[in-house]
């Protein structure tokens, strides 16, 4: 981050971080479920505000809208800030990711970050979304675990980014992947125990 401050200047760095965080912290899952008259999504399932928990309301369209909006807030943060340089885009994208995970409005208890992770990727290196999707589909086909598919995809993305010369962005996604795995520790424990729900299963 010190290198970013040197390249951007403290003002632009702070502006990028604040802009990204505010976008990322918009709790679309909570907002949409309340607007639909379904109450507080944090009171059901895992208590998470992300699309997976919104799906537990039984409203697939609402879950899809949550997934899309949680992704697009990451895309918007990274793409808009990138107009002032890739470093600004990286800072804003990372802040949007953190905003989704730790929104100040909800006591810093947010989602798990996969949708926003993909959104930031789309905003910085759009073609890499195809890599993420390809890995997800292959793993999902053989395992039928959505969480495992996403976790494996987050491992592959930074490796490919670094291997193809996207140094700074690759390092960003190394950090984001580590945080994503930490946020998914309960899923990892269930995967190891064989109790994680498979795609198509209820509960």
N, C-alpha and C. Protein backbone atom coordinates (compact mmCIF):
# COMPACT_ATOMS: atom_id res chain seq x y z
N UNK A 1 0.82 -1.21 0.00
CA UNK A 1 0.00 0.00 0.00
C UNK A 1 0.86 1.26 0.00
N UNK A 2 2.03 1.19 0.60
CA UNK A 2 2.93 2.33 0.59
C UNK A 2 3.30 2.74 -0.82
N UNK A 3 3.50 1.76 -1.70
CA UNK A 3 3.82 2.02 -3.09
C UNK A 3 2.66 2.73 -3.78
N UNK A 4 1.40 2.33 -3.43
CA UNK A 4 0.24 2.98 -4.01
C UNK A 4 0.19 4.45 -3.60
N UNK A 5 0.45 4.72 -2.31
CA UNK A 5 0.41 6.10 -1.82
C UNK A 5 1.45 6.95 -2.54
N UNK A 6 2.62 6.35 -2.80
CA UNK A 6 3.67 7.06 -3.53
C UNK A 6 3.23 7.40 -4.94
N UNK A 7 2.55 6.45 -5.60
CA UNK A 7 2.14 6.66 -6.98
C UNK A 7 0.90 7.55 -7.09
N UNK A 8 -0.05 7.39 -6.17
CA UNK A 8 -1.31 8.11 -6.26
C UNK A 8 -1.31 9.43 -5.50
N UNK A 9 -0.56 9.46 -4.43
CA UNK A 9 -0.66 10.57 -3.50
C UNK A 9 -1.68 10.24 -2.43
N UNK A 10 -1.50 10.75 -1.23
CA UNK A 10 -2.39 10.42 -0.12
C UNK A 10 -3.85 10.76 -0.38
N UNK A 11 -4.10 11.91 -1.03
CA UNK A 11 -5.47 12.35 -1.28
C UNK A 11 -6.23 11.39 -2.18
N UNK A 12 -5.64 11.03 -3.30
CA UNK A 12 -6.30 10.14 -4.24
C UNK A 12 -6.42 8.73 -3.66
N UNK A 13 -5.42 8.31 -2.91
CA UNK A 13 -5.48 6.99 -2.27
C UNK A 13 -6.64 6.94 -1.29
N UNK A 14 -6.76 7.95 -0.43
CA UNK A 14 -7.84 8.00 0.55
C UNK A 14 -9.19 8.08 -0.16
N UNK A 15 -9.25 8.91 -1.19
CA UNK A 15 -10.50 9.05 -1.94
C UNK A 15 -10.93 7.74 -2.57
N UNK A 16 -9.98 7.00 -3.15
CA UNK A 16 -10.28 5.71 -3.78
C UNK A 16 -10.77 4.71 -2.75
N UNK A 17 -10.12 4.69 -1.59
CA UNK A 17 -10.49 3.74 -0.53
C UNK A 17 -11.88 4.05 0.03
N UNK A 18 -12.16 5.32 0.28
CA UNK A 18 -13.46 5.70 0.82
C UNK A 18 -14.56 5.43 -0.20
N UNK A 19 -14.33 5.82 -1.44
CA UNK A 19 -15.30 5.59 -2.51
C UNK A 19 -15.61 4.10 -2.65
N UNK A 20 -14.57 3.29 -2.71
CA UNK A 20 -14.76 1.85 -2.85
C UNK A 20 -15.49 1.25 -1.66
N UNK A 21 -15.08 1.65 -0.46
CA UNK A 21 -15.69 1.10 0.75
C UNK A 21 -17.18 1.43 0.81
N UNK A 22 -17.53 2.68 0.52
CA UNK A 22 -18.93 3.08 0.59
C UNK A 22 -19.79 2.32 -0.42
N UNK A 23 -19.26 2.11 -1.61
CA UNK A 23 -20.00 1.31 -2.60
C UNK A 23 -20.13 -0.14 -2.13
N UNK A 24 -19.03 -0.69 -1.69
CA UNK A 24 -19.02 -2.09 -1.29
C UNK A 24 -19.88 -2.38 -0.08
N UNK A 25 -20.07 -1.40 0.78
CA UNK A 25 -20.80 -1.62 2.02
C UNK A 25 -22.32 -1.54 1.86
N UNK A 26 -22.80 -1.25 0.66
CA UNK A 26 -24.25 -1.23 0.44
C UNK A 26 -24.79 -2.65 0.59
N UNK A 27 -25.64 -2.93 1.58
CA UNK A 27 -26.11 -4.31 1.84
C UNK A 27 -27.32 -4.67 0.99
N UNK A 28 -27.08 -4.94 -0.28
CA UNK A 28 -28.19 -5.18 -1.20
C UNK A 28 -29.08 -6.34 -0.76
N UNK A 29 -28.49 -7.40 -0.22
CA UNK A 29 -29.30 -8.54 0.23
C UNK A 29 -30.32 -8.13 1.27
N UNK A 30 -29.88 -7.33 2.22
CA UNK A 30 -30.77 -6.86 3.28
C UNK A 30 -31.82 -5.90 2.73
N UNK A 31 -31.37 -4.98 1.88
CA UNK A 31 -32.29 -3.98 1.31
C UNK A 31 -33.36 -4.65 0.46
N UNK A 32 -32.98 -5.57 -0.41
CA UNK A 32 -33.94 -6.20 -1.32
C UNK A 32 -34.95 -7.08 -0.58
N UNK A 33 -34.47 -7.83 0.41
CA UNK A 33 -35.40 -8.70 1.14
C UNK A 33 -36.40 -7.87 1.95
N UNK A 34 -35.95 -6.77 2.50
CA UNK A 34 -36.88 -5.90 3.24
C UNK A 34 -37.88 -5.25 2.30
N UNK A 35 -37.41 -4.80 1.13
CA UNK A 35 -38.31 -4.19 0.16
C UNK A 35 -39.35 -5.18 -0.34
N UNK A 36 -38.97 -6.45 -0.37
CA UNK A 36 -39.89 -7.49 -0.84
C UNK A 36 -40.82 -7.98 0.27
N UNK A 37 -40.68 -7.42 1.46
CA UNK A 37 -41.54 -7.80 2.57
C UNK A 37 -41.17 -9.12 3.22
N UNK A 38 -39.90 -9.53 3.06
CA UNK A 38 -39.45 -10.81 3.61
C UNK A 38 -38.71 -10.66 4.93
N UNK A 39 -38.70 -9.45 5.46
CA UNK A 39 -38.06 -9.23 6.75
C UNK A 39 -36.56 -9.09 6.66
N UNK A 40 -35.90 -9.38 7.75
CA UNK A 40 -34.45 -9.24 7.88
C UNK A 40 -33.78 -10.56 7.51
N UNK A 41 -33.03 -10.58 6.41
CA UNK A 41 -32.38 -11.80 5.95
C UNK A 41 -31.37 -12.33 6.97
N UNK A 42 -30.92 -11.46 7.86
CA UNK A 42 -29.96 -11.89 8.89
C UNK A 42 -30.60 -12.78 9.95
N UNK A 43 -31.93 -12.86 9.92
CA UNK A 43 -32.65 -13.66 10.91
C UNK A 43 -32.89 -15.10 10.44
N UNK A 44 -32.45 -15.42 9.22
CA UNK A 44 -32.66 -16.76 8.70
C UNK A 44 -31.33 -17.41 8.31
N UNK A 45 -31.36 -18.71 8.15
CA UNK A 45 -30.19 -19.44 7.65
C UNK A 45 -28.92 -19.13 8.40
N UNK A 46 -27.91 -18.74 7.63
CA UNK A 46 -26.59 -18.45 8.19
C UNK A 46 -26.50 -17.06 8.80
N UNK A 47 -27.54 -16.23 8.56
CA UNK A 47 -27.51 -14.85 9.04
C UNK A 47 -26.71 -13.94 8.13
N UNK A 48 -26.27 -14.47 7.01
CA UNK A 48 -25.44 -13.73 6.05
C UNK A 48 -26.31 -12.85 5.17
N UNK A 49 -25.74 -11.76 4.65
CA UNK A 49 -26.51 -10.86 3.79
C UNK A 49 -26.30 -11.14 2.30
N UNK A 50 -25.54 -12.19 1.97
CA UNK A 50 -25.23 -12.50 0.59
C UNK A 50 -26.33 -13.27 -0.13
N UNK A 51 -26.10 -13.52 -1.42
CA UNK A 51 -27.11 -14.15 -2.28
C UNK A 51 -27.47 -15.56 -1.83
N UNK A 52 -26.50 -16.32 -1.32
CA UNK A 52 -26.79 -17.69 -0.89
C UNK A 52 -27.82 -17.72 0.22
N UNK A 53 -27.69 -16.80 1.17
CA UNK A 53 -28.66 -16.76 2.26
C UNK A 53 -29.99 -16.17 1.81
N UNK A 54 -29.93 -15.20 0.89
CA UNK A 54 -31.17 -14.65 0.34
C UNK A 54 -31.97 -15.76 -0.35
N UNK A 55 -31.26 -16.69 -0.98
CA UNK A 55 -31.93 -17.81 -1.65
C UNK A 55 -32.74 -18.65 -0.66
N UNK A 56 -32.34 -18.65 0.59
CA UNK A 56 -33.06 -19.42 1.61
C UNK A 56 -34.44 -18.84 1.92
N UNK A 57 -34.71 -17.63 1.40
CA UNK A 57 -36.06 -17.08 1.54
C UNK A 57 -37.01 -17.75 0.57
N UNK A 58 -36.43 -18.48 -0.40
CA UNK A 58 -37.25 -19.14 -1.41
C UNK A 58 -37.46 -18.30 -2.65
N UNK A 59 -36.92 -17.10 -2.66
CA UNK A 59 -37.10 -16.19 -3.79
C UNK A 59 -35.83 -16.20 -4.65
N UNK A 60 -35.85 -16.98 -5.72
CA UNK A 60 -34.68 -17.12 -6.57
C UNK A 60 -34.34 -15.84 -7.31
N UNK A 61 -35.37 -15.10 -7.73
CA UNK A 61 -35.12 -13.85 -8.45
C UNK A 61 -34.43 -12.84 -7.54
N UNK A 62 -34.85 -12.80 -6.29
CA UNK A 62 -34.24 -11.89 -5.34
C UNK A 62 -32.79 -12.27 -5.06
N UNK A 63 -32.53 -13.56 -4.98
CA UNK A 63 -31.16 -14.04 -4.77
C UNK A 63 -30.28 -13.69 -5.97
N UNK A 64 -30.82 -13.85 -7.18
CA UNK A 64 -30.06 -13.52 -8.39
C UNK A 64 -29.77 -12.02 -8.46
N UNK A 65 -30.76 -11.20 -8.06
CA UNK A 65 -30.56 -9.75 -8.06
C UNK A 65 -29.50 -9.35 -7.04
N UNK A 66 -29.51 -10.02 -5.90
CA UNK A 66 -28.49 -9.75 -4.87
C UNK A 66 -27.11 -10.10 -5.38
N UNK A 67 -26.99 -11.26 -6.00
CA UNK A 67 -25.71 -11.70 -6.57
C UNK A 67 -25.19 -10.69 -7.58
N UNK A 68 -26.08 -10.25 -8.47
CA UNK A 68 -25.67 -9.31 -9.52
C UNK A 68 -25.24 -7.97 -8.93
N UNK A 69 -26.03 -7.45 -8.02
CA UNK A 69 -25.72 -6.14 -7.45
C UNK A 69 -24.47 -6.17 -6.56
N UNK A 70 -24.29 -7.27 -5.82
CA UNK A 70 -23.09 -7.40 -5.00
C UNK A 70 -21.83 -7.47 -5.87
N UNK A 71 -21.98 -8.06 -7.06
CA UNK A 71 -20.85 -8.10 -7.99
C UNK A 71 -20.61 -6.74 -8.62
N UNK A 72 -21.69 -6.10 -9.06
CA UNK A 72 -21.55 -4.84 -9.79
C UNK A 72 -21.02 -3.70 -8.93
N UNK A 73 -21.24 -3.75 -7.62
CA UNK A 73 -20.68 -2.68 -6.79
C UNK A 73 -19.15 -2.79 -6.76
N UNK A 74 -18.62 -4.00 -6.82
CA UNK A 74 -17.18 -4.18 -6.93
C UNK A 74 -16.66 -3.74 -8.28
N UNK A 75 -17.42 -4.07 -9.32
CA UNK A 75 -17.04 -3.67 -10.68
C UNK A 75 -17.02 -2.16 -10.81
N UNK A 76 -18.07 -1.51 -10.32
CA UNK A 76 -18.17 -0.06 -10.43
C UNK A 76 -17.03 0.63 -9.69
N UNK A 77 -16.74 0.16 -8.48
CA UNK A 77 -15.66 0.78 -7.70
C UNK A 77 -14.33 0.69 -8.44
N UNK A 78 -13.99 -0.52 -8.91
CA UNK A 78 -12.70 -0.72 -9.58
C UNK A 78 -12.63 0.00 -10.92
N UNK A 79 -13.69 -0.10 -11.72
CA UNK A 79 -13.67 0.48 -13.07
C UNK A 79 -13.67 2.00 -13.04
N UNK A 80 -14.49 2.58 -12.18
CA UNK A 80 -14.56 4.05 -12.12
C UNK A 80 -13.25 4.63 -11.60
N UNK A 81 -12.73 4.06 -10.51
CA UNK A 81 -11.48 4.57 -9.94
C UNK A 81 -10.30 4.37 -10.87
N UNK A 82 -10.36 3.36 -11.73
CA UNK A 82 -9.26 3.08 -12.67
C UNK A 82 -9.04 4.21 -13.66
N UNK A 83 -10.00 5.11 -13.78
CA UNK A 83 -9.82 6.26 -14.66
C UNK A 83 -8.68 7.15 -14.18
N UNK A 84 -8.35 7.04 -12.89
CA UNK A 84 -7.24 7.80 -12.32
C UNK A 84 -5.98 6.95 -12.20
N UNK A 85 -6.00 5.79 -12.85
CA UNK A 85 -4.84 4.89 -12.83
C UNK A 85 -5.20 3.55 -12.24
N UNK A 86 -4.47 2.51 -12.64
CA UNK A 86 -4.77 1.17 -12.18
C UNK A 86 -4.61 1.04 -10.67
N UNK A 87 -3.68 1.81 -10.10
CA UNK A 87 -3.49 1.75 -8.65
C UNK A 87 -4.73 2.23 -7.91
N UNK A 88 -5.38 3.27 -8.45
CA UNK A 88 -6.62 3.76 -7.85
C UNK A 88 -7.72 2.70 -7.97
N UNK A 89 -7.76 2.03 -9.12
CA UNK A 89 -8.73 0.97 -9.31
C UNK A 89 -8.53 -0.19 -8.34
N UNK A 90 -7.27 -0.54 -8.12
CA UNK A 90 -6.94 -1.62 -7.18
C UNK A 90 -7.36 -1.23 -5.77
N UNK A 91 -7.04 0.00 -5.37
CA UNK A 91 -7.38 0.46 -4.03
C UNK A 91 -8.89 0.47 -3.82
N UNK A 92 -9.63 1.01 -4.81
CA UNK A 92 -11.08 1.09 -4.69
C UNK A 92 -11.71 -0.29 -4.72
N UNK A 93 -11.19 -1.17 -5.58
CA UNK A 93 -11.73 -2.52 -5.66
C UNK A 93 -11.54 -3.28 -4.35
N UNK A 94 -10.36 -3.16 -3.78
CA UNK A 94 -10.08 -3.83 -2.51
C UNK A 94 -10.97 -3.27 -1.40
N UNK A 95 -11.15 -1.96 -1.40
CA UNK A 95 -12.00 -1.33 -0.38
C UNK A 95 -13.45 -1.76 -0.54
N UNK A 96 -13.90 -1.92 -1.79
CA UNK A 96 -15.27 -2.39 -2.02
C UNK A 96 -15.46 -3.80 -1.49
N UNK A 97 -14.46 -4.64 -1.69
CA UNK A 97 -14.48 -6.01 -1.19
C UNK A 97 -14.57 -6.01 0.34
N UNK A 98 -13.75 -5.18 0.98
CA UNK A 98 -13.77 -5.07 2.44
C UNK A 98 -15.09 -4.48 2.92
N UNK A 99 -15.63 -3.53 2.15
CA UNK A 99 -16.91 -2.93 2.52
C UNK A 99 -18.03 -3.94 2.53
N UNK A 100 -18.00 -4.86 1.58
CA UNK A 100 -19.02 -5.91 1.54
C UNK A 100 -18.87 -6.87 2.73
N UNK A 101 -17.65 -7.20 3.05
CA UNK A 101 -17.40 -8.12 4.16
C UNK A 101 -17.66 -7.48 5.52
N UNK A 102 -17.30 -6.20 5.63
CA UNK A 102 -17.36 -5.51 6.93
C UNK A 102 -18.06 -4.16 6.81
N UNK A 103 -19.36 -4.15 6.50
CA UNK A 103 -20.09 -2.88 6.35
C UNK A 103 -20.31 -2.19 7.70
N UNK A 104 -19.93 -0.95 7.78
CA UNK A 104 -20.05 -0.21 9.05
C UNK A 104 -21.50 -0.10 9.50
N UNK A 105 -22.43 -0.07 8.52
CA UNK A 105 -23.84 0.10 8.84
C UNK A 105 -24.43 -1.12 9.55
N UNK A 106 -23.79 -2.27 9.42
CA UNK A 106 -24.31 -3.51 9.99
C UNK A 106 -23.38 -4.08 11.06
N UNK A 107 -22.67 -3.20 11.73
CA UNK A 107 -21.77 -3.65 12.77
C UNK A 107 -20.61 -4.46 12.25
N UNK A 108 -20.21 -4.18 11.01
CA UNK A 108 -19.08 -4.84 10.35
C UNK A 108 -19.34 -6.35 10.11
N UNK A 109 -20.63 -6.73 10.03
CA UNK A 109 -20.99 -8.12 9.75
C UNK A 109 -21.68 -8.18 8.39
N UNK A 110 -20.91 -8.56 7.37
CA UNK A 110 -21.44 -8.57 6.01
C UNK A 110 -21.45 -9.94 5.37
N UNK A 111 -21.21 -9.97 4.06
CA UNK A 111 -21.23 -11.22 3.32
C UNK A 111 -19.89 -11.92 3.31
N UNK A 112 -19.79 -12.96 2.48
CA UNK A 112 -18.55 -13.75 2.42
C UNK A 112 -17.64 -13.33 1.27
N UNK A 113 -18.18 -12.54 0.33
CA UNK A 113 -17.30 -11.87 -0.62
C UNK A 113 -17.15 -12.43 -2.02
N UNK A 114 -17.71 -13.60 -2.32
CA UNK A 114 -17.45 -14.19 -3.64
C UNK A 114 -17.99 -13.31 -4.76
N UNK A 115 -19.22 -12.83 -4.64
CA UNK A 115 -19.80 -12.01 -5.71
C UNK A 115 -19.00 -10.74 -5.92
N UNK A 116 -18.62 -10.07 -4.83
CA UNK A 116 -17.85 -8.83 -4.96
C UNK A 116 -16.44 -9.11 -5.47
N UNK A 117 -15.88 -10.24 -5.08
CA UNK A 117 -14.58 -10.69 -5.61
C UNK A 117 -14.65 -10.77 -7.13
N UNK A 118 -15.70 -11.41 -7.65
CA UNK A 118 -15.88 -11.54 -9.10
C UNK A 118 -16.08 -10.16 -9.73
N UNK A 119 -16.85 -9.32 -9.04
CA UNK A 119 -17.10 -7.99 -9.57
C UNK A 119 -15.85 -7.15 -9.70
N UNK A 120 -14.99 -7.20 -8.69
CA UNK A 120 -13.72 -6.47 -8.76
C UNK A 120 -12.86 -7.03 -9.90
N UNK A 121 -12.86 -8.33 -10.05
CA UNK A 121 -12.12 -8.97 -11.14
C UNK A 121 -12.63 -8.46 -12.49
N UNK A 122 -13.95 -8.36 -12.62
CA UNK A 122 -14.55 -7.86 -13.87
C UNK A 122 -14.13 -6.42 -14.13
N UNK A 123 -14.04 -5.63 -13.08
CA UNK A 123 -13.67 -4.23 -13.24
C UNK A 123 -12.21 -4.00 -13.59
N UNK A 124 -11.34 -4.93 -13.20
CA UNK A 124 -9.90 -4.76 -13.43
C UNK A 124 -9.37 -5.56 -14.60
N UNK A 125 -9.74 -6.83 -14.69
CA UNK A 125 -9.27 -7.71 -15.79
C UNK A 125 -10.46 -8.57 -16.23
N UNK A 126 -11.35 -8.02 -17.05
CA UNK A 126 -12.60 -8.70 -17.39
C UNK A 126 -12.46 -10.13 -17.89
N UNK A 127 -11.44 -10.41 -18.68
CA UNK A 127 -11.29 -11.75 -19.24
C UNK A 127 -11.08 -12.80 -18.17
N UNK A 128 -10.58 -12.39 -17.02
CA UNK A 128 -10.32 -13.34 -15.95
C UNK A 128 -11.59 -13.89 -15.33
N UNK A 129 -12.71 -13.22 -15.56
CA UNK A 129 -13.98 -13.74 -15.07
C UNK A 129 -14.29 -15.07 -15.76
N UNK A 130 -13.85 -15.21 -17.01
CA UNK A 130 -14.05 -16.46 -17.74
C UNK A 130 -13.23 -17.58 -17.10
N UNK A 131 -12.05 -17.25 -16.62
CA UNK A 131 -11.22 -18.24 -15.92
C UNK A 131 -11.92 -18.69 -14.64
N UNK A 132 -12.39 -17.72 -13.88
CA UNK A 132 -13.10 -18.03 -12.64
C UNK A 132 -14.29 -18.93 -12.94
N UNK A 133 -15.10 -18.52 -13.93
CA UNK A 133 -16.31 -19.28 -14.26
C UNK A 133 -15.98 -20.68 -14.75
N UNK A 134 -14.92 -20.79 -15.56
CA UNK A 134 -14.53 -22.10 -16.09
C UNK A 134 -14.11 -23.06 -14.98
N UNK A 135 -13.30 -22.56 -14.05
CA UNK A 135 -12.86 -23.39 -12.92
C UNK A 135 -14.06 -23.77 -12.06
N UNK A 136 -14.92 -22.80 -11.80
CA UNK A 136 -16.11 -23.07 -10.98
C UNK A 136 -16.96 -24.18 -11.60
N UNK A 137 -17.19 -24.08 -12.89
CA UNK A 137 -18.05 -25.06 -13.57
C UNK A 137 -17.44 -26.46 -13.56
N UNK A 138 -16.14 -26.55 -13.77
CA UNK A 138 -15.49 -27.86 -13.79
C UNK A 138 -15.54 -28.51 -12.41
N UNK A 139 -15.19 -27.74 -11.38
CA UNK A 139 -15.21 -28.29 -10.02
C UNK A 139 -16.63 -28.64 -9.60
N UNK A 140 -17.59 -27.78 -9.95
CA UNK A 140 -18.98 -28.02 -9.59
C UNK A 140 -19.53 -29.27 -10.28
N UNK A 141 -19.11 -29.50 -11.51
CA UNK A 141 -19.58 -30.67 -12.25
C UNK A 141 -19.19 -31.97 -11.55
N UNK A 142 -17.97 -32.01 -11.03
CA UNK A 142 -17.47 -33.25 -10.43
C UNK A 142 -17.75 -33.35 -8.93
N UNK A 143 -17.87 -32.21 -8.24
CA UNK A 143 -18.05 -32.25 -6.79
C UNK A 143 -19.47 -31.93 -6.34
N UNK A 144 -20.15 -31.10 -7.13
CA UNK A 144 -21.48 -30.60 -6.78
C UNK A 144 -21.48 -29.76 -5.50
N UNK A 145 -20.32 -29.21 -5.18
CA UNK A 145 -20.21 -28.28 -4.05
C UNK A 145 -19.98 -26.87 -4.58
N UNK A 146 -20.93 -25.97 -4.36
CA UNK A 146 -20.76 -24.59 -4.82
C UNK A 146 -19.62 -23.90 -4.08
N UNK A 147 -19.55 -24.11 -2.77
CA UNK A 147 -18.51 -23.45 -1.98
C UNK A 147 -17.13 -23.90 -2.39
N UNK A 148 -16.95 -25.20 -2.59
CA UNK A 148 -15.65 -25.72 -3.02
C UNK A 148 -15.27 -25.18 -4.38
N UNK A 149 -16.23 -25.10 -5.28
CA UNK A 149 -15.97 -24.58 -6.63
C UNK A 149 -15.48 -23.15 -6.57
N UNK A 150 -16.13 -22.33 -5.74
CA UNK A 150 -15.72 -20.93 -5.60
C UNK A 150 -14.35 -20.81 -4.96
N UNK A 151 -14.09 -21.61 -3.94
CA UNK A 151 -12.80 -21.55 -3.25
C UNK A 151 -11.65 -21.96 -4.18
N UNK A 152 -11.85 -23.00 -4.96
CA UNK A 152 -10.81 -23.43 -5.89
C UNK A 152 -10.58 -22.35 -6.95
N UNK A 153 -11.66 -21.75 -7.42
CA UNK A 153 -11.54 -20.68 -8.43
C UNK A 153 -10.74 -19.50 -7.88
N UNK A 154 -10.94 -19.18 -6.60
CA UNK A 154 -10.19 -18.06 -6.01
C UNK A 154 -8.71 -18.40 -5.85
N UNK A 155 -8.38 -19.67 -5.82
CA UNK A 155 -6.96 -20.06 -5.80
C UNK A 155 -6.33 -19.93 -7.18
N UNK A 156 -7.09 -20.28 -8.20
CA UNK A 156 -6.55 -20.27 -9.56
C UNK A 156 -6.37 -18.86 -10.09
N UNK A 157 -7.32 -17.98 -9.79
CA UNK A 157 -7.30 -16.62 -10.34
C UNK A 157 -6.00 -15.87 -10.07
N UNK A 158 -5.53 -15.75 -8.83
CA UNK A 158 -4.28 -15.00 -8.61
C UNK A 158 -3.07 -15.65 -9.26
N UNK A 159 -3.07 -16.98 -9.35
CA UNK A 159 -1.95 -17.68 -10.00
C UNK A 159 -1.89 -17.30 -11.47
N UNK A 160 -3.05 -17.31 -12.13
CA UNK A 160 -3.10 -16.96 -13.56
C UNK A 160 -2.75 -15.49 -13.75
N UNK A 161 -3.25 -14.63 -12.88
CA UNK A 161 -2.93 -13.20 -12.98
C UNK A 161 -1.43 -12.95 -12.88
N UNK A 162 -0.79 -13.57 -11.90
CA UNK A 162 0.65 -13.39 -11.72
C UNK A 162 1.43 -13.99 -12.88
N UNK A 163 0.96 -15.13 -13.39
CA UNK A 163 1.65 -15.80 -14.49
C UNK A 163 1.53 -15.05 -15.81
N UNK A 164 0.50 -14.21 -15.92
CA UNK A 164 0.29 -13.47 -17.17
C UNK A 164 0.73 -12.01 -17.06
N UNK A 165 1.51 -11.69 -16.02
CA UNK A 165 2.11 -10.37 -15.93
C UNK A 165 1.28 -9.30 -15.25
N UNK A 166 0.18 -9.68 -14.62
CA UNK A 166 -0.64 -8.70 -13.89
C UNK A 166 -0.18 -8.65 -12.43
N UNK A 167 1.03 -8.15 -12.23
CA UNK A 167 1.67 -8.22 -10.92
C UNK A 167 0.89 -7.62 -9.78
N UNK A 168 0.59 -6.31 -9.88
CA UNK A 168 -0.10 -5.63 -8.78
C UNK A 168 -1.49 -6.20 -8.56
N UNK A 169 -2.21 -6.46 -9.66
CA UNK A 169 -3.56 -7.01 -9.54
C UNK A 169 -3.49 -8.43 -8.99
N UNK A 170 -2.49 -9.18 -9.42
CA UNK A 170 -2.32 -10.53 -8.91
C UNK A 170 -2.11 -10.55 -7.41
N UNK A 171 -1.29 -9.62 -6.92
CA UNK A 171 -1.05 -9.54 -5.47
C UNK A 171 -2.32 -9.14 -4.73
N UNK A 172 -3.10 -8.25 -5.34
CA UNK A 172 -4.38 -7.89 -4.74
C UNK A 172 -5.25 -9.12 -4.54
N UNK A 173 -5.32 -9.97 -5.57
CA UNK A 173 -6.18 -11.13 -5.48
C UNK A 173 -5.60 -12.25 -4.61
N UNK A 174 -4.30 -12.23 -4.41
CA UNK A 174 -3.72 -13.14 -3.40
C UNK A 174 -4.30 -12.78 -2.03
N UNK A 175 -4.28 -11.49 -1.72
CA UNK A 175 -4.79 -11.02 -0.42
C UNK A 175 -6.29 -11.29 -0.32
N UNK A 176 -7.04 -11.00 -1.39
CA UNK A 176 -8.48 -11.20 -1.37
C UNK A 176 -8.83 -12.67 -1.24
N UNK A 177 -8.03 -13.54 -1.84
CA UNK A 177 -8.27 -14.98 -1.74
C UNK A 177 -8.06 -15.45 -0.30
N UNK A 178 -7.01 -14.97 0.33
CA UNK A 178 -6.75 -15.36 1.72
C UNK A 178 -7.93 -14.94 2.61
N UNK A 179 -8.41 -13.72 2.42
CA UNK A 179 -9.53 -13.24 3.23
C UNK A 179 -10.79 -14.04 2.93
N UNK A 180 -11.00 -14.37 1.66
CA UNK A 180 -12.17 -15.15 1.27
C UNK A 180 -12.16 -16.52 1.94
N UNK A 181 -11.00 -17.15 1.98
CA UNK A 181 -10.90 -18.47 2.62
C UNK A 181 -11.17 -18.37 4.12
N UNK A 182 -10.69 -17.30 4.74
CA UNK A 182 -10.95 -17.10 6.17
C UNK A 182 -12.45 -16.94 6.41
N UNK A 183 -13.11 -16.16 5.55
CA UNK A 183 -14.55 -15.94 5.70
C UNK A 183 -15.35 -17.22 5.44
N UNK A 184 -14.76 -18.15 4.71
CA UNK A 184 -15.44 -19.41 4.38
C UNK A 184 -14.98 -20.56 5.29
N UNK A 185 -14.39 -20.24 6.43
CA UNK A 185 -13.85 -21.31 7.28
C UNK A 185 -14.93 -22.29 7.73
N UNK A 186 -16.15 -21.81 7.96
CA UNK A 186 -17.23 -22.73 8.36
C UNK A 186 -17.56 -23.68 7.22
N UNK A 187 -17.57 -23.17 5.99
CA UNK A 187 -17.81 -24.04 4.83
C UNK A 187 -16.70 -25.07 4.68
N UNK A 188 -15.47 -24.64 4.90
CA UNK A 188 -14.32 -25.55 4.79
C UNK A 188 -14.43 -26.66 5.83
N UNK A 189 -14.83 -26.30 7.04
CA UNK A 189 -15.00 -27.31 8.09
C UNK A 189 -16.08 -28.32 7.71
N UNK A 190 -17.17 -27.83 7.11
CA UNK A 190 -18.25 -28.73 6.69
C UNK A 190 -17.81 -29.60 5.51
N UNK A 191 -17.01 -29.03 4.62
CA UNK A 191 -16.49 -29.82 3.50
C UNK A 191 -15.61 -30.96 4.01
N UNK A 192 -14.77 -30.66 4.97
CA UNK A 192 -13.88 -31.68 5.53
C UNK A 192 -14.67 -32.74 6.29
N UNK A 193 -15.79 -32.32 6.88
CA UNK A 193 -16.61 -33.26 7.66
C UNK A 193 -17.62 -34.01 6.78
N UNK A 194 -17.74 -33.56 5.52
CA UNK A 194 -18.70 -34.20 4.61
C UNK A 194 -20.13 -33.78 4.85
N UNK A 195 -20.34 -32.63 5.50
CA UNK A 195 -21.70 -32.19 5.82
C UNK A 195 -22.12 -30.95 5.03
N UNK A 196 -21.27 -30.48 4.15
CA UNK A 196 -21.62 -29.31 3.33
C UNK A 196 -22.71 -29.69 2.34
N UNK A 197 -23.70 -28.79 2.16
CA UNK A 197 -24.78 -29.05 1.21
C UNK A 197 -24.26 -29.02 -0.22
N UNK A 198 -24.73 -29.96 -1.01
CA UNK A 198 -24.35 -30.00 -2.43
C UNK A 198 -25.35 -29.19 -3.26
N UNK A 199 -24.94 -28.84 -4.47
CA UNK A 199 -25.81 -28.10 -5.37
C UNK A 199 -27.06 -28.93 -5.64
N UNK A 200 -28.21 -28.29 -5.44
CA UNK A 200 -29.48 -28.98 -5.66
C UNK A 200 -30.10 -29.53 -4.40
N UNK A 201 -29.32 -29.63 -3.32
CA UNK A 201 -29.84 -30.09 -2.06
C UNK A 201 -30.45 -28.94 -1.27
N UNK A 202 -31.44 -29.22 -0.45
CA UNK A 202 -32.04 -28.21 0.39
C UNK A 202 -31.36 -28.22 1.75
N UNK A 203 -31.31 -27.03 2.36
CA UNK A 203 -30.75 -26.93 3.71
C UNK A 203 -29.29 -26.61 3.72
